[in-house]
Amino acid sequence: YTYEGDQLGQGKENARTFLMEHQDIAEEIDRRIREAVGMTAFGPDEVISLEAPEAEALAPASPSNGASKNGAKQPAGVSAG
């Protein structure tokens, strides 16, 4: 693999090792890829939390999603019972 005329390595593993040893080049490639696909909403110094929310925060307090008492969803416009 080559980048900007520089040989990163022959094969995937060698290129991976090169990028691990040369973080500045790896970060530049990462930045350019994100810019190319429109992922530039965050600044370089911002830390993004990738932690999953707690299960309690995801569970609804009541079945307000159209589910009946037995858990089966009712079609729109049809009353339960």
Protein backbone atom coordinates (compact mmCIF):
# COMPACT_ATOMS: atom_id res chain seq x y z
CA TYR A 1 0.00 0.00 0.00
CA THR A 2 1.14 3.55 -0.75
CA TYR A 3 -0.03 6.94 0.47
CA GLU A 4 1.10 10.23 -1.05
CA GLY A 5 3.95 8.38 -2.78
CA ASP A 6 5.22 6.76 0.45
CA GLN A 7 5.29 2.97 0.69
CA LEU A 8 3.28 2.02 3.80
CA GLY A 9 4.07 -1.65 3.50
CA GLN A 10 3.78 -4.69 1.29
CA GLY A 11 0.53 -6.33 2.33
CA LYS A 12 -2.15 -5.51 4.87
CA GLU A 13 -0.23 -6.51 8.00
CA ASN A 14 2.89 -4.52 7.08
CA ALA A 15 0.79 -1.44 6.26
CA ARG A 16 -1.05 -1.85 9.56
CA THR A 17 2.23 -2.07 11.47
CA PHE A 18 3.55 1.02 9.67
CA LEU A 19 0.44 3.03 10.58
CA MET A 20 0.64 1.91 14.21
CA GLU A 21 4.25 3.14 14.33
CA HIS A 22 3.46 6.40 12.48
CA GLN A 23 0.36 7.76 14.22
CA ASP A 24 0.66 11.16 12.52
CA ILE A 25 0.16 9.60 9.09
CA ALA A 26 -2.63 7.35 10.38
CA GLU A 27 -4.46 10.37 11.84
CA GLU A 28 -4.04 12.32 8.60
CA ILE A 29 -5.49 9.43 6.58
CA ASP A 30 -8.36 9.10 9.07
CA ARG A 31 -9.11 12.84 8.90
CA ARG A 32 -9.07 12.87 5.09
CA ILE A 33 -11.39 9.86 4.87
CA ARG A 34 -13.84 11.44 7.31
CA GLU A 35 -13.79 14.71 5.35
CA ALA A 36 -14.41 12.82 2.11
CA VAL A 37 -17.55 11.14 3.50
CA GLY A 38 -18.80 14.24 5.33
CA MET A 39 -17.99 13.23 8.90
CA THR A 40 -16.48 16.56 9.94
CA ALA A 41 -18.98 17.62 12.64
CA PHE A 42 -16.44 17.17 15.43
CA GLY A 43 -13.25 19.09 16.06
CA PRO A 44 -9.91 17.29 16.46
CA ASP A 45 -9.82 17.87 20.24
CA GLU A 46 -13.37 16.76 20.98
CA VAL A 47 -13.83 13.41 22.70
CA ILE A 48 -16.83 11.37 21.61
CA SER A 49 -18.32 8.97 24.16
CA LEU A 50 -18.99 5.56 22.65
CA GLU A 51 -20.51 4.07 25.81
CA ALA A 52 -23.86 2.32 25.50
CA PRO A 53 -26.72 3.73 27.60
CA GLU A 54 -27.93 1.79 30.61
CA ALA A 55 -30.68 -0.78 29.95
CA GLU A 56 -33.10 1.06 32.28
CA ALA A 57 -32.78 4.18 30.13
CA LEU A 58 -33.77 2.20 27.04
CA ALA A 59 -36.82 0.43 28.53
CA PRO A 60 -40.11 2.35 28.14
CA ALA A 61 -42.00 3.16 31.35
CA SER A 62 -45.32 1.98 29.88
CA PRO A 63 -46.32 0.16 26.70
CA SER A 64 -47.24 3.32 24.78
CA ASN A 65 -46.00 1.86 21.50
CA GLY A 66 -49.37 0.37 20.48
CA ALA A 67 -48.90 -2.96 22.27
CA SER A 68 -51.92 -4.58 23.91
CA LYS A 69 -51.99 -6.13 27.38
CA ASN A 70 -50.65 -9.45 26.09
CA GLY A 71 -47.81 -7.75 24.21
CA ALA A 72 -49.23 -8.13 20.70
CA LYS A 73 -49.27 -4.98 18.59
CA GLN A 74 -52.59 -3.81 17.23
CA PRO A 75 -52.83 -2.49 13.67
CA ALA A 76 -53.29 1.25 13.33
CA GLY A 77 -56.95 2.30 13.57
CA VAL A 78 -58.09 -0.95 15.23
CA SER A 79 -59.23 -0.81 18.84
CA ALA A 80 -58.06 -3.50 21.25
CA GLY A 81 -60.79 -5.73 22.64
